[in-house]
Amino acid sequence: MRKYFLYAALVLAMSIPAQPAFPAIRMPGVFGDNMVVRHGQETRIWGRAAPGEWVTVDFAGKKVLLRASENGQWDTWVGPVEAGGPYELKVRGTTTYVVYKNVMAGDVWVAGGQSNMEWAVSQAADAAKEIEAADYPEIRFLRVPKAMSWVPADDTSAPWKVCSPETAGDFSAVAYYYARELYERTGIPQGIIDA
């Protein structure tokens, strides 16, 4: 009886398909709905997949087919894309399909610094009035979470937020006023990465 049980277990184990080391397309946390990419230039898109897996990247109707390396990494450049949107970024692997919606192409800025850059719109002069008027759907913010690390980090996880009266109070005031001024002057979507 024991012999038959072991035989059945072996047959069952052999019938289960092997899972790849990376079973799904994985994208870095900087990619997400509502993100902003640079306009007029190619956009670098990268991620992980199963080693050797074919990956299709489709951004604003521009497609690239590539193969993941032996360690599962892949990257490519797509574009250029004109300022505006919204666009969709689609990444398809053998078994996984990722779609990022409401993507804008515009100017992208890094807002780095300490106390002055961290000062929020909610702490600025006339904060209530400024927040109430902060209806700029083509301005987007991504705040990189604070984290301590002894080695450089190659990823982060934070959502892109569309500028609205519900979200603007938490934005860096310096970065918000900068993005707003540029948007009002140029009409080009603005993306701020607050690090």
N, C-alpha and C. Protein backbone atom coordinates (compact mmCIF):
# COMPACT_ATOMS: atom_id res chain seq x y z
N MET A 1 0.82 -1.19 0.00
CA MET A 1 0.00 0.00 0.00
C MET A 1 0.87 1.26 0.00
N ARG A 2 1.90 1.23 0.84
CA ARG A 2 2.80 2.37 0.92
C ARG A 2 3.49 2.61 -0.41
N LYS A 3 3.86 1.53 -1.09
CA LYS A 3 4.54 1.61 -2.38
C LYS A 3 3.64 2.29 -3.40
N TYR A 4 2.34 1.96 -3.41
CA TYR A 4 1.41 2.58 -4.35
C TYR A 4 1.19 4.06 -4.03
N PHE A 5 1.16 4.39 -2.73
CA PHE A 5 0.99 5.78 -2.33
C PHE A 5 2.18 6.62 -2.83
N LEU A 6 3.40 6.12 -2.67
CA LEU A 6 4.58 6.84 -3.14
C LEU A 6 4.56 6.98 -4.66
N TYR A 7 4.15 5.92 -5.35
CA TYR A 7 4.06 5.96 -6.81
C TYR A 7 3.04 7.02 -7.25
N ALA A 8 1.87 7.07 -6.60
CA ALA A 8 0.84 8.05 -6.94
C ALA A 8 1.34 9.47 -6.67
N ALA A 9 2.05 9.65 -5.57
CA ALA A 9 2.57 10.97 -5.23
C ALA A 9 3.61 11.42 -6.26
N LEU A 10 4.45 10.48 -6.72
CA LEU A 10 5.45 10.80 -7.74
C LEU A 10 4.80 11.17 -9.06
N VAL A 11 3.79 10.44 -9.49
CA VAL A 11 3.08 10.73 -10.73
C VAL A 11 2.40 12.11 -10.64
N LEU A 12 1.78 12.40 -9.50
CA LEU A 12 1.12 13.69 -9.30
C LEU A 12 2.14 14.82 -9.37
N ALA A 13 3.27 14.66 -8.70
CA ALA A 13 4.30 15.70 -8.70
C ALA A 13 4.84 15.95 -10.10
N MET A 14 4.98 14.88 -10.90
CA MET A 14 5.50 15.02 -12.26
C MET A 14 4.48 15.69 -13.19
N SER A 15 3.21 15.63 -12.85
CA SER A 15 2.18 16.20 -13.72
C SER A 15 1.97 17.70 -13.47
N ILE A 16 2.51 18.24 -12.37
CA ILE A 16 2.37 19.67 -12.08
C ILE A 16 3.46 20.41 -12.86
N PRO A 17 3.07 21.39 -13.68
CA PRO A 17 4.09 22.10 -14.46
C PRO A 17 5.05 22.89 -13.57
N ALA A 18 6.30 22.93 -14.00
CA ALA A 18 7.31 23.68 -13.25
C ALA A 18 7.00 25.17 -13.30
N GLN A 19 7.18 25.84 -12.18
CA GLN A 19 6.95 27.28 -12.11
C GLN A 19 8.26 28.00 -12.37
N PRO A 20 8.24 29.07 -13.15
CA PRO A 20 9.47 29.83 -13.37
C PRO A 20 9.90 30.53 -12.09
N ALA A 21 11.19 30.95 -12.06
CA ALA A 21 11.72 31.64 -10.88
C ALA A 21 10.96 32.93 -10.63
N PHE A 22 10.56 33.63 -11.68
CA PHE A 22 9.78 34.85 -11.57
C PHE A 22 8.48 34.60 -12.33
N PRO A 23 7.41 34.18 -11.64
CA PRO A 23 6.21 33.71 -12.32
C PRO A 23 5.39 34.79 -13.03
N ALA A 24 5.71 36.06 -12.83
CA ALA A 24 4.89 37.10 -13.43
C ALA A 24 5.76 38.30 -13.78
N ILE A 25 5.26 39.11 -14.70
CA ILE A 25 5.90 40.38 -14.99
C ILE A 25 5.88 41.20 -13.71
N ARG A 26 7.02 41.74 -13.32
CA ARG A 26 7.09 42.60 -12.14
C ARG A 26 7.70 43.92 -12.57
N MET A 27 7.03 45.00 -12.21
CA MET A 27 7.47 46.33 -12.56
C MET A 27 7.92 47.07 -11.31
N PRO A 28 8.90 47.96 -11.45
CA PRO A 28 9.31 48.76 -10.30
C PRO A 28 8.17 49.65 -9.81
N GLY A 29 8.22 50.03 -8.55
CA GLY A 29 7.16 50.82 -7.94
C GLY A 29 6.99 52.22 -8.52
N VAL A 30 7.98 52.72 -9.24
CA VAL A 30 7.87 54.06 -9.83
C VAL A 30 6.88 54.08 -10.99
N PHE A 31 6.57 52.91 -11.54
CA PHE A 31 5.55 52.81 -12.58
C PHE A 31 4.19 52.66 -11.92
N GLY A 32 3.18 53.35 -12.44
CA GLY A 32 1.86 53.23 -11.87
C GLY A 32 0.85 54.06 -12.63
N ASP A 33 -0.41 53.84 -12.32
CA ASP A 33 -1.46 54.69 -12.88
C ASP A 33 -1.14 56.14 -12.52
N ASN A 34 -1.50 57.05 -13.40
CA ASN A 34 -1.35 58.50 -13.19
C ASN A 34 0.07 59.01 -13.29
N MET A 35 1.04 58.18 -13.69
CA MET A 35 2.42 58.65 -13.74
C MET A 35 2.63 59.63 -14.90
N VAL A 36 3.74 60.33 -14.85
CA VAL A 36 4.15 61.24 -15.91
C VAL A 36 5.50 60.78 -16.42
N VAL A 37 5.64 60.71 -17.75
CA VAL A 37 6.91 60.41 -18.39
C VAL A 37 7.32 61.63 -19.21
N ARG A 38 8.58 61.71 -19.56
CA ARG A 38 9.07 62.87 -20.30
C ARG A 38 8.56 62.86 -21.74
N HIS A 39 8.13 64.01 -22.20
CA HIS A 39 7.65 64.12 -23.57
C HIS A 39 8.80 64.42 -24.52
N GLY A 40 8.61 64.07 -25.79
CA GLY A 40 9.59 64.40 -26.81
C GLY A 40 10.86 63.57 -26.76
N GLN A 41 10.95 62.61 -25.87
CA GLN A 41 12.12 61.75 -25.74
C GLN A 41 11.64 60.32 -25.54
N GLU A 42 12.53 59.39 -25.84
CA GLU A 42 12.18 58.00 -25.57
C GLU A 42 12.08 57.78 -24.06
N THR A 43 11.21 56.88 -23.68
CA THR A 43 10.98 56.55 -22.27
C THR A 43 11.58 55.19 -21.97
N ARG A 44 12.40 55.11 -20.93
CA ARG A 44 12.97 53.82 -20.53
C ARG A 44 11.94 53.08 -19.69
N ILE A 45 11.71 51.83 -20.04
CA ILE A 45 10.77 50.97 -19.32
C ILE A 45 11.52 49.68 -19.01
N TRP A 46 11.42 49.23 -17.74
CA TRP A 46 12.17 48.05 -17.33
C TRP A 46 11.39 47.28 -16.29
N GLY A 47 11.84 46.04 -16.07
CA GLY A 47 11.18 45.19 -15.08
C GLY A 47 11.83 43.84 -15.00
N ARG A 48 11.06 42.89 -14.48
CA ARG A 48 11.54 41.50 -14.34
C ARG A 48 10.48 40.55 -14.89
N ALA A 49 10.95 39.41 -15.30
CA ALA A 49 10.07 38.36 -15.83
C ALA A 49 10.78 37.03 -15.60
N ALA A 50 10.18 35.96 -16.09
CA ALA A 50 10.86 34.67 -16.03
C ALA A 50 12.09 34.73 -16.94
N PRO A 51 13.19 34.09 -16.57
CA PRO A 51 14.37 34.10 -17.42
C PRO A 51 14.03 33.64 -18.84
N GLY A 52 14.43 34.44 -19.83
CA GLY A 52 14.18 34.09 -21.23
C GLY A 52 12.77 34.36 -21.72
N GLU A 53 11.89 34.87 -20.87
CA GLU A 53 10.50 35.11 -21.26
C GLU A 53 10.41 36.26 -22.26
N TRP A 54 9.53 36.12 -23.23
CA TRP A 54 9.27 37.19 -24.18
C TRP A 54 8.35 38.22 -23.54
N VAL A 55 8.69 39.50 -23.71
CA VAL A 55 7.95 40.60 -23.12
C VAL A 55 7.59 41.59 -24.23
N THR A 56 6.33 42.02 -24.25
CA THR A 56 5.89 43.05 -25.19
C THR A 56 5.56 44.31 -24.40
N VAL A 57 6.15 45.42 -24.80
CA VAL A 57 5.87 46.72 -24.19
C VAL A 57 5.15 47.56 -25.22
N ASP A 58 3.99 48.09 -24.85
CA ASP A 58 3.17 48.91 -25.74
C ASP A 58 2.85 50.22 -25.02
N PHE A 59 3.42 51.31 -25.52
CA PHE A 59 3.18 52.61 -24.90
C PHE A 59 2.72 53.59 -25.97
N ALA A 60 1.52 54.09 -25.81
CA ALA A 60 0.95 55.08 -26.75
C ALA A 60 1.01 54.57 -28.18
N GLY A 61 0.75 53.26 -28.37
CA GLY A 61 0.72 52.69 -29.70
C GLY A 61 2.08 52.31 -30.27
N LYS A 62 3.15 52.51 -29.53
CA LYS A 62 4.50 52.15 -29.97
C LYS A 62 4.89 50.87 -29.24
N LYS A 63 5.15 49.81 -30.03
CA LYS A 63 5.40 48.49 -29.43
C LYS A 63 6.85 48.06 -29.59
N VAL A 64 7.32 47.33 -28.56
CA VAL A 64 8.65 46.74 -28.59
C VAL A 64 8.52 45.31 -28.07
N LEU A 65 9.14 44.37 -28.76
CA LEU A 65 9.19 42.97 -28.32
C LEU A 65 10.62 42.68 -27.92
N LEU A 66 10.80 42.13 -26.73
CA LEU A 66 12.14 41.81 -26.26
C LEU A 66 12.09 40.57 -25.40
N ARG A 67 13.28 40.09 -25.05
CA ARG A 67 13.37 38.87 -24.25
C ARG A 67 14.11 39.16 -22.95
N ALA A 68 13.59 38.65 -21.84
CA ALA A 68 14.25 38.83 -20.55
C ALA A 68 15.58 38.08 -20.53
N SER A 69 16.54 38.61 -19.79
CA SER A 69 17.86 37.98 -19.69
C SER A 69 17.79 36.70 -18.86
N GLU A 70 18.93 36.07 -18.69
CA GLU A 70 18.99 34.82 -17.92
C GLU A 70 18.63 35.02 -16.46
N ASN A 71 18.81 36.24 -15.94
CA ASN A 71 18.42 36.49 -14.54
C ASN A 71 17.05 37.14 -14.44
N GLY A 72 16.33 37.23 -15.57
CA GLY A 72 14.95 37.72 -15.56
C GLY A 72 14.81 39.21 -15.73
N GLN A 73 15.89 39.94 -15.91
CA GLN A 73 15.79 41.39 -16.08
C GLN A 73 15.57 41.74 -17.55
N TRP A 74 14.85 42.83 -17.76
CA TRP A 74 14.67 43.35 -19.12
C TRP A 74 14.50 44.86 -19.06
N ASP A 75 14.88 45.53 -20.12
CA ASP A 75 14.61 46.96 -20.24
C ASP A 75 14.63 47.35 -21.70
N THR A 76 13.92 48.44 -21.99
CA THR A 76 13.82 48.91 -23.36
C THR A 76 13.50 50.40 -23.35
N TRP A 77 13.53 50.99 -24.52
CA TRP A 77 13.17 52.39 -24.71
C TRP A 77 12.01 52.45 -25.69
N VAL A 78 11.00 53.26 -25.39
CA VAL A 78 9.82 53.39 -26.25
C VAL A 78 9.54 54.87 -26.47
N GLY A 79 9.12 55.22 -27.65
CA GLY A 79 8.74 56.61 -27.92
C GLY A 79 9.50 57.15 -29.10
N PRO A 80 9.64 58.45 -29.17
CA PRO A 80 9.15 59.47 -28.24
C PRO A 80 7.64 59.69 -28.34
N VAL A 81 7.08 60.35 -27.32
CA VAL A 81 5.65 60.62 -27.23
C VAL A 81 5.45 62.12 -27.08
N GLU A 82 4.44 62.65 -27.74
CA GLU A 82 4.13 64.08 -27.63
C GLU A 82 3.54 64.39 -26.26
N ALA A 83 3.73 65.63 -25.82
CA ALA A 83 3.17 66.07 -24.54
C ALA A 83 1.66 65.91 -24.57
N GLY A 84 1.10 65.47 -23.47
CA GLY A 84 -0.34 65.29 -23.37
C GLY A 84 -0.70 63.93 -22.85
N GLY A 85 -1.83 63.45 -23.28
CA GLY A 85 -2.35 62.17 -22.82
C GLY A 85 -3.85 62.31 -22.59
N PRO A 86 -4.45 61.41 -21.89
CA PRO A 86 -3.80 60.29 -21.21
C PRO A 86 -3.46 59.14 -22.16
N TYR A 87 -2.37 58.47 -21.82
CA TYR A 87 -1.91 57.29 -22.55
C TYR A 87 -2.06 56.07 -21.65
N GLU A 88 -1.84 54.90 -22.25
CA GLU A 88 -1.75 53.66 -21.48
C GLU A 88 -0.40 53.02 -21.74
N LEU A 89 0.17 52.43 -20.71
CA LEU A 89 1.38 51.62 -20.81
C LEU A 89 0.97 50.19 -20.54
N LYS A 90 1.20 49.32 -21.55
CA LYS A 90 0.84 47.91 -21.41
C LYS A 90 2.10 47.06 -21.50
N VAL A 91 2.25 46.16 -20.56
CA VAL A 91 3.39 45.24 -20.54
C VAL A 91 2.83 43.83 -20.46
N ARG A 92 3.16 43.01 -21.45
CA ARG A 92 2.62 41.66 -21.52
C ARG A 92 3.75 40.64 -21.54
N GLY A 93 3.62 39.64 -20.66
CA GLY A 93 4.53 38.50 -20.68
C GLY A 93 3.76 37.29 -21.17
N THR A 94 4.32 36.11 -20.96
CA THR A 94 3.67 34.88 -21.41
C THR A 94 2.36 34.64 -20.66
N THR A 95 2.35 34.93 -19.35
CA THR A 95 1.16 34.64 -18.54
C THR A 95 0.60 35.87 -17.84
N THR A 96 1.28 36.99 -17.91
CA THR A 96 0.88 38.17 -17.14
C THR A 96 0.72 39.37 -18.04
N TYR A 97 -0.26 40.21 -17.68
CA TYR A 97 -0.56 41.41 -18.45
C TYR A 97 -0.74 42.56 -17.46
N VAL A 98 0.08 43.61 -17.59
CA VAL A 98 0.01 44.76 -16.69
C VAL A 98 -0.37 45.98 -17.52
N VAL A 99 -1.32 46.77 -17.03
CA VAL A 99 -1.75 47.99 -17.71
C VAL A 99 -1.71 49.15 -16.72
N TYR A 100 -1.04 50.22 -17.11
CA TYR A 100 -1.03 51.45 -16.33
C TYR A 100 -1.84 52.47 -17.11
N LYS A 101 -2.82 53.07 -16.45
CA LYS A 101 -3.76 53.98 -17.10
C LYS A 101 -3.52 55.42 -16.68
N ASN A 102 -4.08 56.32 -17.48
CA ASN A 102 -4.05 57.75 -17.19
C ASN A 102 -2.61 58.27 -17.09
N VAL A 103 -1.74 57.78 -17.98
CA VAL A 103 -0.34 58.19 -18.03
C VAL A 103 -0.23 59.46 -18.88
N MET A 104 0.48 60.45 -18.37
CA MET A 104 0.68 61.70 -19.10
C MET A 104 2.13 61.79 -19.56
N ALA A 105 2.35 62.49 -20.67
CA ALA A 105 3.70 62.82 -21.12
C ALA A 105 3.88 64.31 -20.93
N GLY A 106 4.96 64.69 -20.26
CA GLY A 106 5.19 66.10 -19.97
C GLY A 106 6.59 66.31 -19.45
N ASP A 107 6.75 67.28 -18.56
CA ASP A 107 8.03 67.54 -17.90
C ASP A 107 8.05 66.76 -16.60
N VAL A 108 9.21 66.20 -16.27
CA VAL A 108 9.36 65.45 -15.02
C VAL A 108 10.52 66.06 -14.25
N TRP A 109 10.26 66.36 -12.97
CA TRP A 109 11.23 67.02 -12.12
C TRP A 109 11.45 66.22 -10.84
N VAL A 110 12.66 66.27 -10.32
CA VAL A 110 12.95 65.69 -9.01
C VAL A 110 13.04 66.83 -8.02
N ALA A 111 12.24 66.77 -6.97
CA ALA A 111 12.23 67.77 -5.91
C ALA A 111 12.92 67.15 -4.70
N GLY A 112 14.18 67.48 -4.49
CA GLY A 112 14.94 66.89 -3.39
C GLY A 112 15.35 67.95 -2.39
N GLY A 113 15.47 67.57 -1.16
CA GLY A 113 15.90 68.51 -0.14
C GLY A 113 15.38 68.13 1.22
N GLN A 114 15.59 69.01 2.17
CA GLN A 114 15.18 68.70 3.54
C GLN A 114 14.01 69.58 3.96
N SER A 115 14.19 70.38 4.99
CA SER A 115 13.05 71.07 5.60
C SER A 115 12.29 71.96 4.63
N ASN A 116 12.96 72.75 3.82
CA ASN A 116 12.24 73.64 2.90
C ASN A 116 11.41 72.85 1.89
N MET A 117 11.98 71.77 1.37
CA MET A 117 11.26 70.99 0.37
C MET A 117 10.14 70.16 1.01
N GLU A 118 10.28 69.81 2.28
CA GLU A 118 9.26 69.01 2.95
C GLU A 118 8.07 69.84 3.43
N TRP A 119 8.21 71.14 3.47
CA TRP A 119 7.13 72.01 3.93
C TRP A 119 5.94 71.81 3.01
N ALA A 120 4.80 71.38 3.56
CA ALA A 120 3.64 71.00 2.74
C ALA A 120 2.76 72.20 2.39
N VAL A 121 1.97 72.03 1.35
CA VAL A 121 1.00 73.07 0.95
C VAL A 121 0.07 73.37 2.13
N SER A 122 -0.27 72.38 2.91
CA SER A 122 -1.17 72.59 4.06
C SER A 122 -0.55 73.49 5.13
N GLN A 123 0.76 73.71 5.07
CA GLN A 123 1.44 74.56 6.03
C GLN A 123 1.76 75.94 5.44
N ALA A 124 1.44 76.16 4.18
CA ALA A 124 1.77 77.41 3.49
C ALA A 124 0.78 78.51 3.86
N ALA A 125 1.13 79.75 3.49
CA ALA A 125 0.23 80.87 3.70
C ALA A 125 -1.03 80.68 2.86
N ASP A 126 -2.17 81.03 3.42
CA ASP A 126 -3.47 80.86 2.75
C ASP A 126 -3.68 79.41 2.29
N ALA A 127 -3.30 78.45 3.15
CA ALA A 127 -3.35 77.03 2.78
C ALA A 127 -4.74 76.58 2.35
N ALA A 128 -5.76 76.94 3.09
CA ALA A 128 -7.12 76.49 2.75
C ALA A 128 -7.53 76.98 1.37
N LYS A 129 -7.24 78.22 1.05
CA LYS A 129 -7.57 78.80 -0.26
C LYS A 129 -6.78 78.11 -1.37
N GLU A 130 -5.48 77.89 -1.13
CA GLU A 130 -4.62 77.24 -2.13
C GLU A 130 -5.09 75.80 -2.40
N ILE A 131 -5.42 75.08 -1.35
CA ILE A 131 -5.84 73.68 -1.51
C ILE A 131 -7.17 73.61 -2.24
N GLU A 132 -8.09 74.49 -1.91
CA GLU A 132 -9.39 74.50 -2.57
C GLU A 132 -9.27 74.76 -4.08
N ALA A 133 -8.29 75.56 -4.46
CA ALA A 133 -8.10 75.91 -5.88
C ALA A 133 -7.16 74.95 -6.61
N ALA A 134 -6.67 73.91 -5.94
CA ALA A 134 -5.65 73.03 -6.52
C ALA A 134 -6.25 71.95 -7.42
N ASP A 135 -7.00 72.36 -8.40
CA ASP A 135 -7.62 71.41 -9.33
C ASP A 135 -6.82 71.41 -10.63
N TYR A 136 -5.73 70.63 -10.64
CA TYR A 136 -4.83 70.56 -11.79
C TYR A 136 -4.60 69.08 -12.14
N PRO A 137 -5.51 68.46 -12.88
CA PRO A 137 -5.37 67.03 -13.15
C PRO A 137 -4.16 66.65 -13.99
N GLU A 138 -3.49 67.64 -14.61
CA GLU A 138 -2.30 67.32 -15.40
C GLU A 138 -1.01 67.56 -14.62
N ILE A 139 -1.13 67.82 -13.32
CA ILE A 139 0.03 67.87 -12.43
C ILE A 139 -0.05 66.63 -11.54
N ARG A 140 1.05 65.88 -11.48
CA ARG A 140 1.07 64.62 -10.72
C ARG A 140 2.27 64.60 -9.79
N PHE A 141 2.11 64.00 -8.62
CA PHE A 141 3.18 63.90 -7.64
C PHE A 141 3.42 62.44 -7.25
N LEU A 142 4.69 62.10 -7.09
CA LEU A 142 5.08 60.83 -6.51
C LEU A 142 6.03 61.15 -5.37
N ARG A 143 5.66 60.79 -4.16
CA ARG A 143 6.53 61.02 -3.01
C ARG A 143 7.24 59.72 -2.66
N VAL A 144 8.56 59.75 -2.76
CA VAL A 144 9.37 58.58 -2.42
C VAL A 144 9.38 58.45 -0.90
N PRO A 145 8.95 57.30 -0.36
CA PRO A 145 8.93 57.14 1.10
C PRO A 145 10.34 57.20 1.69
N LYS A 146 10.43 57.76 2.88
CA LYS A 146 11.72 57.78 3.57
C LYS A 146 12.06 56.36 4.01
N ALA A 147 13.31 55.99 3.79
CA ALA A 147 13.75 54.65 4.19
C ALA A 147 15.24 54.69 4.46
N MET A 148 15.68 53.95 5.45
CA MET A 148 17.09 53.86 5.78
C MET A 148 17.65 52.60 5.15
N SER A 149 18.82 52.71 4.52
CA SER A 149 19.43 51.54 3.90
C SER A 149 20.94 51.72 3.88
N TRP A 150 21.65 50.63 4.10
CA TRP A 150 23.12 50.67 4.06
C TRP A 150 23.63 50.47 2.65
N VAL A 151 22.75 50.07 1.75
CA VAL A 151 23.13 49.88 0.34
C VAL A 151 22.14 50.63 -0.53
N PRO A 152 22.54 51.04 -1.72
CA PRO A 152 21.60 51.74 -2.61
C PRO A 152 20.39 50.86 -2.93
N ALA A 153 19.20 51.45 -2.88
CA ALA A 153 17.97 50.73 -3.20
C ALA A 153 17.69 50.89 -4.69
N ASP A 154 17.21 49.82 -5.31
CA ASP A 154 16.91 49.90 -6.74
C ASP A 154 15.41 49.95 -7.01
N ASP A 155 14.61 50.15 -5.97
CA ASP A 155 13.17 50.21 -6.16
C ASP A 155 12.53 50.99 -5.01
N THR A 156 11.33 51.43 -5.26
CA THR A 156 10.52 52.09 -4.24
C THR A 156 9.07 51.76 -4.54
N SER A 157 8.22 51.98 -3.59
CA SER A 157 6.80 51.72 -3.82
C SER A 157 6.01 52.91 -3.33
N ALA A 158 5.44 53.65 -4.26
CA ALA A 158 4.63 54.82 -3.91
C ALA A 158 3.70 55.12 -5.07
N PRO A 159 2.47 55.53 -4.80
CA PRO A 159 1.54 55.83 -5.89
C PRO A 159 1.75 57.23 -6.44
N TRP A 160 1.49 57.40 -7.72
CA TRP A 160 1.41 58.72 -8.32
C TRP A 160 0.05 59.30 -7.95
N LYS A 161 0.03 60.58 -7.54
CA LYS A 161 -1.23 61.22 -7.15
C LYS A 161 -1.52 62.38 -8.09
N VAL A 162 -2.77 62.44 -8.54
CA VAL A 162 -3.24 63.53 -9.37
C VAL A 162 -3.52 64.72 -8.47
N CYS A 163 -3.09 65.91 -8.89
CA CYS A 163 -3.28 67.10 -8.08
C CYS A 163 -4.76 67.50 -8.04
N SER A 164 -5.31 67.55 -6.84
CA SER A 164 -6.70 67.93 -6.63
C SER A 164 -6.82 68.51 -5.22
N PRO A 165 -7.94 69.14 -4.89
CA PRO A 165 -8.10 69.63 -3.52
C PRO A 165 -7.98 68.53 -2.46
N GLU A 166 -8.26 67.29 -2.84
CA GLU A 166 -8.16 66.17 -1.88
C GLU A 166 -6.72 65.73 -1.65
N THR A 167 -5.82 65.98 -2.60
CA THR A 167 -4.44 65.48 -2.48
C THR A 167 -3.39 66.56 -2.28
N ALA A 168 -3.65 67.78 -2.73
CA ALA A 168 -2.61 68.82 -2.78
C ALA A 168 -2.06 69.23 -1.42
N GLY A 169 -2.82 69.10 -0.37
CA GLY A 169 -2.36 69.53 0.95
C GLY A 169 -1.11 68.82 1.42
N ASP A 170 -0.89 67.59 0.98
CA ASP A 170 0.28 66.82 1.39
C ASP A 170 1.50 67.03 0.50
N PHE A 171 1.33 67.74 -0.63
CA PHE A 171 2.44 67.94 -1.55
C PHE A 171 3.44 68.93 -0.97
N SER A 172 4.69 68.81 -1.38
CA SER A 172 5.69 69.82 -1.07
C SER A 172 5.21 71.15 -1.64
N ALA A 173 5.17 72.19 -0.80
CA ALA A 173 4.69 73.49 -1.26
C ALA A 173 5.59 74.06 -2.35
N VAL A 174 6.91 73.98 -2.17
CA VAL A 174 7.84 74.50 -3.18
C VAL A 174 7.61 73.78 -4.51
N ALA A 175 7.52 72.47 -4.46
CA ALA A 175 7.33 71.69 -5.69
C ALA A 175 5.98 71.98 -6.33
N TYR A 176 4.95 72.11 -5.51
CA TYR A 176 3.61 72.39 -6.04
C TYR A 176 3.57 73.74 -6.76
N TYR A 177 4.08 74.80 -6.11
CA TYR A 177 4.04 76.12 -6.73
C TYR A 177 4.88 76.15 -8.01
N TYR A 178 5.99 75.43 -8.01
CA TYR A 178 6.85 75.33 -9.19
C TYR A 178 6.10 74.65 -10.33
N ALA A 179 5.50 73.49 -10.04
CA ALA A 179 4.77 72.74 -11.07
C ALA A 179 3.57 73.54 -11.58
N ARG A 180 2.87 74.19 -10.69
CA ARG A 180 1.71 74.98 -11.09
C ARG A 180 2.11 76.12 -12.02
N GLU A 181 3.17 76.82 -11.65
CA GLU A 181 3.65 77.94 -12.48
C GLU A 181 4.04 77.46 -13.88
N LEU A 182 4.78 76.36 -13.94
CA LEU A 182 5.19 75.83 -15.25
C LEU A 182 3.99 75.37 -16.06
N TYR A 183 3.04 74.71 -15.41
CA TYR A 183 1.87 74.23 -16.13
C TYR A 183 1.05 75.41 -16.68
N GLU A 184 0.86 76.43 -15.86
CA GLU A 184 0.08 77.58 -16.30
C GLU A 184 0.77 78.33 -17.44
N ARG A 185 2.09 78.34 -17.46
CA ARG A 185 2.83 79.03 -18.53
C ARG A 185 2.88 78.22 -19.82
N THR A 186 3.02 76.88 -19.69
CA THR A 186 3.28 76.06 -20.89
C THR A 186 2.11 75.19 -21.31
N GLY A 187 1.21 74.84 -20.39
CA GLY A 187 0.13 73.90 -20.70
C GLY A 187 0.61 72.47 -20.80
N ILE A 188 1.87 72.22 -20.46
CA ILE A 188 2.45 70.87 -20.54
C ILE A 188 2.27 70.18 -19.19
N PRO A 189 1.81 68.92 -19.18
CA PRO A 189 1.68 68.19 -17.90
C PRO A 189 3.00 68.21 -17.13
N GLN A 190 2.89 68.23 -15.81
CA GLN A 190 4.06 68.29 -14.94
C GLN A 190 4.04 67.11 -13.97
N GLY A 191 5.17 66.43 -13.87
CA GLY A 191 5.34 65.34 -12.92
C GLY A 191 6.43 65.69 -11.93
N ILE A 192 6.14 65.56 -10.65
CA ILE A 192 7.12 65.86 -9.60
C ILE A 192 7.41 64.57 -8.84
N ILE A 193 8.68 64.22 -8.78
CA ILE A 193 9.12 63.10 -7.94
C ILE A 193 9.75 63.72 -6.71
N ASP A 194 9.04 63.66 -5.59
CA ASP A 194 9.46 64.28 -4.35
C ASP A 194 10.31 63.28 -3.56
N ALA A 195 11.62 63.52 -3.59
CA ALA A 195 12.54 62.62 -2.91
C ALA A 195 13.35 63.38 -1.88
